[in-house]
Amino acid sequence: MPKKRIASEPSLPTQVQQMRAHWEVLMQLQPRLQATLPTALAQAREKLRRDNPTAPPESEKVVLFAFYRLAALLRARSEPMTMREVSQVLDMPLSSATRWVDTLVQNGFIERLPDPQDRRVVRITLTAMGKTLHETAVEFFDRGIAEFLSHFDASERAQLLTLLAKSVRILSELHPHSSARSYSELP
């Protein structure tokens, strides 16, 4: 039996429009948020742009996003990843993952290592520069998140985090083949 809607409660189509409007504003804020990037991240973006002049203008953002995801995984693991694992985790063909890793290796963020048990297998790990860049990114995001959350009281933060966790769980269930961490892995 469907829930009765309270007269003052907006309809789902109205809420969809409101959500889309908020999302569009967030997308418009993106350039302003990027302007606050710490020097190390801005330099990494510039290095990717300079070292890959034929790449599309937005590609360094994609590579940095892939780097952040990959760096977080590599830092959480006790051993380097194989290219097949990278491909699976990034949810992309092996050839595409290899091209991304090539760019990250070329820029000094990732290095390739031979597999001690199988010389046909290549593993990847973060370089010292890659670790530093990832730490800078984590600190930057943590500061931004803390600043954002500081505008809410404790109960609002709890409610926001509960709703965000529920959103992640629902999106994970709607798109089960995604490479995102499962809901059960989240804090």
Protein backbone atom coordinates (compact mmCIF):
# COMPACT_ATOMS: atom_id res chain seq x y z
CA MET A 1 0.00 0.00 0.00
CA PRO A 2 1.59 3.32 -1.06
CA LYS A 3 2.31 5.93 1.57
CA LYS A 4 -0.15 8.79 1.79
CA ARG A 5 1.41 12.05 0.75
CA ILE A 6 0.99 15.02 3.05
CA ALA A 7 -0.56 17.94 1.16
CA SER A 8 2.44 20.23 1.71
CA GLU A 9 4.97 17.56 0.67
CA PRO A 10 6.32 18.16 -2.85
CA SER A 11 5.72 15.51 -5.50
CA LEU A 12 8.52 13.30 -6.82
CA PRO A 13 8.66 15.15 -10.19
CA THR A 14 9.00 18.44 -8.31
CA GLN A 15 11.76 17.00 -6.13
CA VAL A 16 13.52 15.65 -9.23
CA GLN A 17 13.51 19.18 -10.69
CA GLN A 18 14.80 20.61 -7.40
CA MET A 19 17.57 18.00 -7.21
CA ARG A 20 18.59 18.68 -10.82
CA ALA A 21 18.66 22.44 -10.13
CA HIS A 22 20.91 21.92 -7.09
CA TRP A 23 23.16 19.61 -9.10
CA GLU A 24 23.47 22.21 -11.87
CA VAL A 25 24.49 24.86 -9.33
CA LEU A 26 27.10 22.47 -7.90
CA MET A 27 28.47 21.91 -11.41
CA GLN A 28 28.69 25.69 -11.91
CA LEU A 29 30.67 25.97 -8.66
CA GLN A 30 33.27 23.48 -9.89
CA PRO A 31 35.65 26.07 -11.44
CA ARG A 32 35.62 28.12 -8.23
CA LEU A 33 36.36 25.03 -6.17
CA GLN A 34 39.21 24.04 -8.50
CA ALA A 35 40.71 27.51 -8.08
CA THR A 36 41.44 26.57 -4.46
CA LEU A 37 43.63 23.58 -5.40
CA PRO A 38 46.87 23.45 -3.43
CA THR A 39 50.03 24.22 -5.38
CA ALA A 40 51.10 20.55 -5.62
CA LEU A 41 47.79 19.51 -7.21
CA ALA A 42 47.77 22.50 -9.56
CA GLN A 43 51.36 21.70 -10.57
CA ALA A 44 50.43 18.05 -11.20
CA ARG A 45 47.56 19.15 -13.45
CA GLU A 46 49.89 21.52 -15.32
CA LYS A 47 52.52 18.78 -15.70
CA LEU A 48 49.94 16.41 -17.18
CA ARG A 49 48.78 19.14 -19.56
CA ARG A 50 52.35 20.07 -20.58
CA ASP A 51 53.56 16.47 -21.02
CA ASN A 52 50.51 15.46 -23.06
CA PRO A 53 49.93 18.40 -25.47
CA THR A 54 47.79 16.35 -27.86
CA ALA A 55 45.43 15.16 -25.12
CA PRO A 56 41.97 16.75 -24.90
CA PRO A 57 41.90 19.77 -22.55
CA GLU A 58 39.86 17.99 -19.86
CA SER A 59 41.94 14.79 -19.89
CA GLU A 60 44.24 15.82 -17.03
CA LYS A 61 41.19 16.00 -14.76
CA VAL A 62 40.26 12.46 -15.75
CA VAL A 63 43.83 11.24 -15.22
CA LEU A 64 44.05 12.97 -11.82
CA PHE A 65 40.71 11.46 -10.81
CA ALA A 66 41.95 8.01 -11.88
CA PHE A 67 45.22 8.66 -10.04
CA TYR A 68 43.37 9.57 -6.84
CA ARG A 69 41.23 6.41 -7.01
CA LEU A 70 44.22 4.25 -7.85
CA ALA A 71 46.49 5.85 -5.24
CA ALA A 72 43.90 5.29 -2.51
CA LEU A 73 43.70 1.61 -3.48
CA LEU A 74 47.48 1.21 -3.68
CA ARG A 75 47.96 2.86 -0.27
CA ALA A 76 45.36 0.53 1.28
CA ARG A 77 47.04 -2.61 -0.08
CA SER A 78 50.12 -4.34 1.25
CA GLU A 79 51.49 -5.17 -2.20
CA PRO A 80 51.52 -3.60 -5.69
CA MET A 81 48.57 -4.25 -8.04
CA THR A 82 48.64 -6.08 -11.35
CA MET A 83 47.39 -4.30 -14.46
CA ARG A 84 44.45 -6.72 -14.59
CA GLU A 85 43.48 -5.71 -11.05
CA VAL A 86 43.79 -2.04 -12.00
CA SER A 87 41.55 -2.62 -15.01
CA GLN A 88 38.93 -4.36 -12.87
CA VAL A 89 38.99 -1.78 -10.08
CA LEU A 90 38.76 1.18 -12.48
CA ASP A 91 36.05 -0.70 -14.39
CA MET A 92 37.68 -0.20 -17.79
CA PRO A 93 39.28 -2.31 -20.50
CA LEU A 94 42.85 -3.40 -19.86
CA SER A 95 44.07 -1.34 -22.83
CA SER A 96 42.53 1.87 -21.42
CA ALA A 97 43.90 1.18 -17.94
CA THR A 98 47.32 0.62 -19.48
CA ARG A 99 47.17 3.99 -21.28
CA TRP A 100 46.21 5.75 -18.03
CA VAL A 101 49.00 4.05 -16.14
CA ASP A 102 51.42 4.92 -18.97
CA THR A 103 50.57 8.60 -18.43
CA LEU A 104 50.98 8.30 -14.65
CA VAL A 105 54.33 6.48 -15.09
CA GLN A 106 55.49 9.11 -17.61
CA ASN A 107 54.70 11.83 -15.07
CA GLY A 108 56.47 10.05 -12.22
CA PHE A 109 53.44 9.27 -10.04
CA ILE A 110 53.37 5.48 -10.55
CA GLU A 111 56.11 2.96 -11.30
CA ARG A 112 55.97 -0.48 -12.86
CA LEU A 113 57.56 -3.43 -11.11
CA PRO A 114 58.18 -6.99 -12.28
CA ASP A 115 56.18 -9.67 -10.51
CA PRO A 116 58.57 -11.86 -8.49
CA GLN A 117 56.58 -15.05 -9.24
CA ASP A 118 55.64 -14.46 -12.90
CA ARG A 119 57.79 -12.39 -15.24
CA ARG A 120 54.86 -11.97 -17.66
CA VAL A 121 52.96 -9.98 -15.02
CA VAL A 122 53.60 -6.30 -14.36
CA ARG A 123 52.65 -4.71 -11.07
CA ILE A 124 52.33 -1.02 -10.27
CA THR A 125 52.99 1.00 -7.15
CA LEU A 126 53.16 4.64 -6.14
CA THR A 127 56.43 6.50 -6.40
CA ALA A 128 57.52 8.85 -3.60
CA MET A 129 56.13 11.74 -5.68
CA GLY A 130 52.85 9.83 -6.15
CA LYS A 131 52.56 9.23 -2.40
CA THR A 132 53.21 12.91 -1.70
CA LEU A 133 50.64 14.00 -4.29
CA HIS A 134 48.04 11.63 -2.84
CA GLU A 135 48.71 12.86 0.72
CA THR A 136 48.34 16.46 -0.51
CA ALA A 137 45.03 15.60 -2.18
CA VAL A 138 43.71 13.82 0.92
CA GLU A 139 44.66 16.77 3.15
CA PHE A 140 43.06 19.21 0.69
CA PHE A 141 39.81 17.23 0.52
CA ASP A 142 39.73 16.73 4.30
CA ARG A 143 40.14 20.48 4.89
CA GLY A 144 37.37 21.23 2.38
CA ILE A 145 35.04 18.66 3.88
CA ALA A 146 35.73 19.95 7.41
CA GLU A 147 35.04 23.52 6.30
CA PHE A 148 31.80 22.43 4.60
CA LEU A 149 30.64 20.37 7.59
CA SER A 150 31.43 23.21 10.00
CA HIS A 151 28.34 25.04 8.68
CA PHE A 152 26.10 22.31 10.15
CA ASP A 153 25.43 21.50 13.78
CA ALA A 154 26.18 17.99 15.08
CA SER A 155 22.68 16.62 14.45
CA GLU A 156 22.61 18.06 10.92
CA ARG A 157 26.01 16.51 10.18
CA ALA A 158 24.77 13.15 11.44
CA GLN A 159 21.64 13.43 9.29
CA LEU A 160 23.67 14.52 6.24
CA LEU A 161 26.09 11.60 6.65
CA THR A 162 23.23 9.15 7.16
CA LEU A 163 21.52 10.37 3.98
CA LEU A 164 24.79 10.31 2.05
CA ALA A 165 25.49 6.74 3.19
CA LYS A 166 21.97 5.74 2.16
CA SER A 167 22.49 7.42 -1.23
CA VAL A 168 25.74 5.51 -1.77
CA ARG A 169 24.07 2.23 -0.78
CA ILE A 170 21.15 2.83 -3.16
CA LEU A 171 23.42 3.85 -6.04
CA SER A 172 25.56 0.76 -5.40
CA GLU A 173 22.46 -1.42 -5.58
CA LEU A 174 21.18 0.31 -8.73
CA HIS A 175 24.57 -0.14 -10.41
CA PRO A 176 25.91 -3.41 -8.97
CA HIS A 177 28.73 -3.81 -11.51
CA SER A 178 30.40 -0.59 -10.48
CA SER A 179 33.97 -0.78 -9.21
CA ALA A 180 33.15 1.49 -6.27
CA ARG A 181 33.77 0.14 -2.78
CA SER A 182 30.81 -1.77 -1.54
CA TYR A 183 28.52 -0.11 0.95
CA SER A 184 29.65 -2.53 3.64
CA GLU A 185 33.25 -1.25 3.28
CA LEU A 186 32.31 2.34 4.15
CA PRO A 187 32.82 3.69 7.67
